């Protein structure tokens, strides 16, 4: 079963963030705990770690702003 990669809420007032870049290519191997993507909010840029190990399927492209809770990709 695939694990959804959700745009996280990094701060109390954060409602959306920009997906700056994927740090793993589509179809690439992902290891739990390693940086998966970079997320920009109005206050900072942070790397978000992979929650599980597996193969990444990218659903949303970088350079766009998405609401907190948006499914950005899947790891299966």
N, C-alpha and C. Protein backbone atom coordinates (compact mmCIF):
# COMPACT_ATOMS: atom_id res chain seq x y z
N UNK A 1 0.84 -1.18 0.00
CA UNK A 1 0.00 0.00 0.00
C UNK A 1 0.89 1.26 0.00
N UNK A 2 0.52 2.24 -0.80
CA UNK A 2 1.31 3.46 -0.93
C UNK A 2 1.07 4.40 0.25
N UNK A 3 2.13 5.11 0.63
CA UNK A 3 2.05 6.14 1.66
C UNK A 3 2.01 7.49 0.97
N UNK A 4 0.99 8.30 1.27
CA UNK A 4 0.86 9.61 0.66
C UNK A 4 1.86 10.59 1.29
N UNK A 5 2.45 11.42 0.46
CA UNK A 5 3.33 12.50 0.91
C UNK A 5 2.47 13.76 0.92
N UNK A 6 2.23 14.27 2.13
CA UNK A 6 1.34 15.41 2.33
C UNK A 6 2.16 16.67 2.59
N UNK A 7 1.71 17.81 2.06
CA UNK A 7 2.35 19.07 2.37
C UNK A 7 2.07 19.37 3.85
N UNK A 8 3.15 19.42 4.67
CA UNK A 8 2.95 19.57 6.12
C UNK A 8 2.73 21.02 6.53
N UNK A 9 2.15 21.19 7.70
CA UNK A 9 1.98 22.51 8.31
C UNK A 9 3.21 22.74 9.18
N UNK A 10 4.09 23.65 8.77
CA UNK A 10 5.36 23.88 9.47
C UNK A 10 5.26 24.93 10.56
N UNK A 11 4.22 25.73 10.53
CA UNK A 11 4.05 26.77 11.54
C UNK A 11 2.58 26.96 11.84
N UNK A 12 2.30 27.59 12.96
CA UNK A 12 0.92 27.77 13.41
C UNK A 12 0.05 28.47 12.37
N UNK A 13 0.60 29.49 11.73
CA UNK A 13 -0.20 30.29 10.80
C UNK A 13 -0.05 29.86 9.34
N UNK A 14 0.69 28.80 9.09
CA UNK A 14 0.93 28.36 7.71
C UNK A 14 -0.32 27.70 7.12
N UNK A 15 -0.76 28.22 5.96
CA UNK A 15 -1.90 27.64 5.25
C UNK A 15 -1.52 27.07 3.90
N UNK A 16 -0.36 27.50 3.38
CA UNK A 16 0.12 27.02 2.09
C UNK A 16 1.63 27.14 2.06
N UNK A 17 2.23 26.45 1.10
CA UNK A 17 3.68 26.51 0.93
C UNK A 17 4.04 26.21 -0.50
N UNK A 18 5.24 26.63 -0.90
CA UNK A 18 5.69 26.36 -2.26
C UNK A 18 6.64 25.16 -2.25
N UNK A 19 6.33 24.20 -3.09
CA UNK A 19 7.21 23.05 -3.28
C UNK A 19 8.39 23.53 -4.11
N UNK A 20 9.54 23.75 -3.44
CA UNK A 20 10.71 24.31 -4.11
C UNK A 20 11.34 23.31 -5.06
N UNK A 21 11.59 22.11 -4.56
CA UNK A 21 12.21 21.07 -5.40
C UNK A 21 12.06 19.70 -4.76
N UNK A 22 12.02 18.70 -5.60
CA UNK A 22 12.10 17.32 -5.15
C UNK A 22 13.58 16.98 -5.05
N UNK A 23 13.99 16.32 -3.99
CA UNK A 23 15.38 15.94 -3.80
C UNK A 23 15.64 14.51 -4.26
N UNK A 24 14.57 13.83 -4.68
CA UNK A 24 14.64 12.48 -5.25
C UNK A 24 13.85 12.51 -6.55
N UNK A 25 14.36 11.89 -7.59
CA UNK A 25 13.68 11.87 -8.88
C UNK A 25 12.46 10.97 -8.86
N UNK A 26 11.51 11.25 -9.75
CA UNK A 26 10.32 10.41 -9.90
C UNK A 26 10.77 8.99 -10.24
N UNK A 27 10.26 8.02 -9.50
CA UNK A 27 10.65 6.62 -9.70
C UNK A 27 11.90 6.24 -8.94
N UNK A 28 12.48 7.21 -8.22
CA UNK A 28 13.71 6.95 -7.48
C UNK A 28 13.47 6.27 -6.15
N UNK A 29 14.53 5.65 -5.64
CA UNK A 29 14.46 4.97 -4.34
C UNK A 29 14.55 6.00 -3.22
N UNK A 30 13.70 5.83 -2.21
CA UNK A 30 13.61 6.73 -1.07
C UNK A 30 13.92 5.93 0.19
N UNK A 31 14.68 6.52 1.10
CA UNK A 31 14.96 5.89 2.39
C UNK A 31 14.32 6.73 3.49
N UNK A 32 13.59 6.08 4.38
CA UNK A 32 12.94 6.77 5.49
C UNK A 32 13.94 7.62 6.26
N UNK A 33 13.55 8.86 6.57
CA UNK A 33 14.39 9.75 7.34
C UNK A 33 15.34 10.61 6.52
N UNK A 34 15.47 10.32 5.23
CA UNK A 34 16.33 11.14 4.37
C UNK A 34 15.50 12.26 3.72
N UNK A 35 16.13 13.41 3.42
CA UNK A 35 15.41 14.52 2.80
C UNK A 35 14.73 14.11 1.49
N UNK A 36 13.46 14.50 1.37
CA UNK A 36 12.65 14.12 0.21
C UNK A 36 12.34 15.31 -0.69
N UNK A 37 11.96 16.45 -0.08
CA UNK A 37 11.67 17.65 -0.86
C UNK A 37 11.94 18.89 -0.02
N UNK A 38 12.09 20.03 -0.73
CA UNK A 38 12.28 21.32 -0.07
C UNK A 38 10.97 22.10 -0.16
N UNK A 39 10.58 22.69 0.97
CA UNK A 39 9.31 23.41 1.08
C UNK A 39 9.57 24.82 1.57
N UNK A 40 9.05 25.80 0.83
CA UNK A 40 9.19 27.21 1.21
C UNK A 40 7.89 27.71 1.79
N UNK A 41 7.97 28.30 2.97
CA UNK A 41 6.82 29.01 3.54
C UNK A 41 7.17 30.48 3.52
N UNK A 42 6.29 31.33 4.04
CA UNK A 42 6.59 32.76 4.03
C UNK A 42 7.75 33.12 4.95
N UNK A 43 8.13 32.22 5.84
CA UNK A 43 9.20 32.53 6.80
C UNK A 43 10.50 31.78 6.56
N UNK A 44 10.47 30.62 5.92
CA UNK A 44 11.70 29.83 5.78
C UNK A 44 11.58 28.79 4.68
N UNK A 45 12.73 28.17 4.38
CA UNK A 45 12.76 27.01 3.49
C UNK A 45 13.28 25.84 4.30
N UNK A 46 12.58 24.72 4.25
CA UNK A 46 12.98 23.54 5.01
C UNK A 46 12.94 22.30 4.13
N UNK A 47 13.82 21.37 4.45
CA UNK A 47 13.77 20.06 3.80
C UNK A 47 12.86 19.18 4.63
N UNK A 48 12.02 18.42 3.94
CA UNK A 48 11.09 17.51 4.59
C UNK A 48 11.56 16.09 4.33
N UNK A 49 11.65 15.29 5.39
CA UNK A 49 12.16 13.93 5.29
C UNK A 49 11.08 12.94 4.85
N UNK A 50 11.52 11.86 4.23
CA UNK A 50 10.63 10.79 3.82
C UNK A 50 10.14 10.03 5.05
N UNK A 51 8.84 9.75 5.14
CA UNK A 51 8.30 9.03 6.28
C UNK A 51 8.55 7.52 6.22
N UNK A 52 8.72 6.99 5.02
CA UNK A 52 8.93 5.55 4.82
C UNK A 52 9.92 5.34 3.67
N UNK A 53 10.40 4.11 3.53
CA UNK A 53 11.28 3.75 2.42
C UNK A 53 10.45 3.15 1.29
N UNK A 54 10.92 3.31 0.06
CA UNK A 54 10.23 2.74 -1.09
C UNK A 54 10.57 3.48 -2.36
N UNK A 55 9.64 3.50 -3.31
CA UNK A 55 9.81 4.15 -4.60
C UNK A 55 8.89 5.36 -4.69
N UNK A 56 9.45 6.51 -5.08
CA UNK A 56 8.69 7.76 -5.13
C UNK A 56 7.92 7.90 -6.43
N UNK A 57 6.66 8.31 -6.31
CA UNK A 57 5.85 8.71 -7.46
C UNK A 57 5.44 10.16 -7.22
N UNK A 58 5.94 11.07 -8.06
CA UNK A 58 5.66 12.49 -7.92
C UNK A 58 4.31 12.82 -8.56
N UNK A 59 3.45 13.52 -7.79
CA UNK A 59 2.13 13.91 -8.28
C UNK A 59 2.03 15.41 -8.53
N UNK A 60 2.82 16.22 -7.80
CA UNK A 60 2.78 17.69 -7.94
C UNK A 60 4.17 18.19 -8.31
N UNK A 61 4.21 19.19 -9.17
CA UNK A 61 5.47 19.71 -9.69
C UNK A 61 6.01 20.85 -8.83
N UNK A 62 7.34 20.99 -8.76
CA UNK A 62 7.94 22.08 -8.00
C UNK A 62 7.69 23.44 -8.66
N UNK A 63 7.85 24.48 -7.84
CA UNK A 63 7.65 25.84 -8.34
C UNK A 63 6.22 26.32 -8.18
N UNK A 64 5.36 25.47 -7.65
CA UNK A 64 3.95 25.83 -7.44
C UNK A 64 3.65 25.92 -5.95
N UNK A 65 2.63 26.70 -5.61
CA UNK A 65 2.18 26.83 -4.22
C UNK A 65 0.96 25.95 -4.03
N UNK A 66 0.97 25.18 -2.93
CA UNK A 66 -0.11 24.26 -2.62
C UNK A 66 -0.59 24.48 -1.19
N UNK A 67 -1.84 24.14 -0.92
CA UNK A 67 -2.39 24.25 0.43
C UNK A 67 -1.86 23.14 1.31
N UNK A 68 -1.78 23.43 2.62
CA UNK A 68 -1.40 22.42 3.60
C UNK A 68 -2.37 21.24 3.44
N UNK A 69 -1.84 20.02 3.45
CA UNK A 69 -2.67 18.82 3.31
C UNK A 69 -2.74 18.29 1.90
N UNK A 70 -2.23 19.03 0.91
CA UNK A 70 -2.23 18.58 -0.47
C UNK A 70 -1.32 17.35 -0.61
N UNK A 71 -1.78 16.35 -1.35
CA UNK A 71 -0.96 15.17 -1.61
C UNK A 71 0.03 15.52 -2.73
N UNK A 72 1.31 15.51 -2.38
CA UNK A 72 2.37 15.89 -3.33
C UNK A 72 2.91 14.70 -4.10
N UNK A 73 2.85 13.52 -3.49
CA UNK A 73 3.40 12.32 -4.11
C UNK A 73 3.04 11.10 -3.28
N UNK A 74 3.57 9.96 -3.68
CA UNK A 74 3.33 8.69 -2.98
C UNK A 74 4.63 7.90 -2.94
N UNK A 75 4.79 7.14 -1.88
CA UNK A 75 5.90 6.20 -1.78
C UNK A 75 5.30 4.81 -1.64
N UNK A 76 5.70 3.91 -2.54
CA UNK A 76 5.18 2.53 -2.47
C UNK A 76 6.32 1.54 -2.41
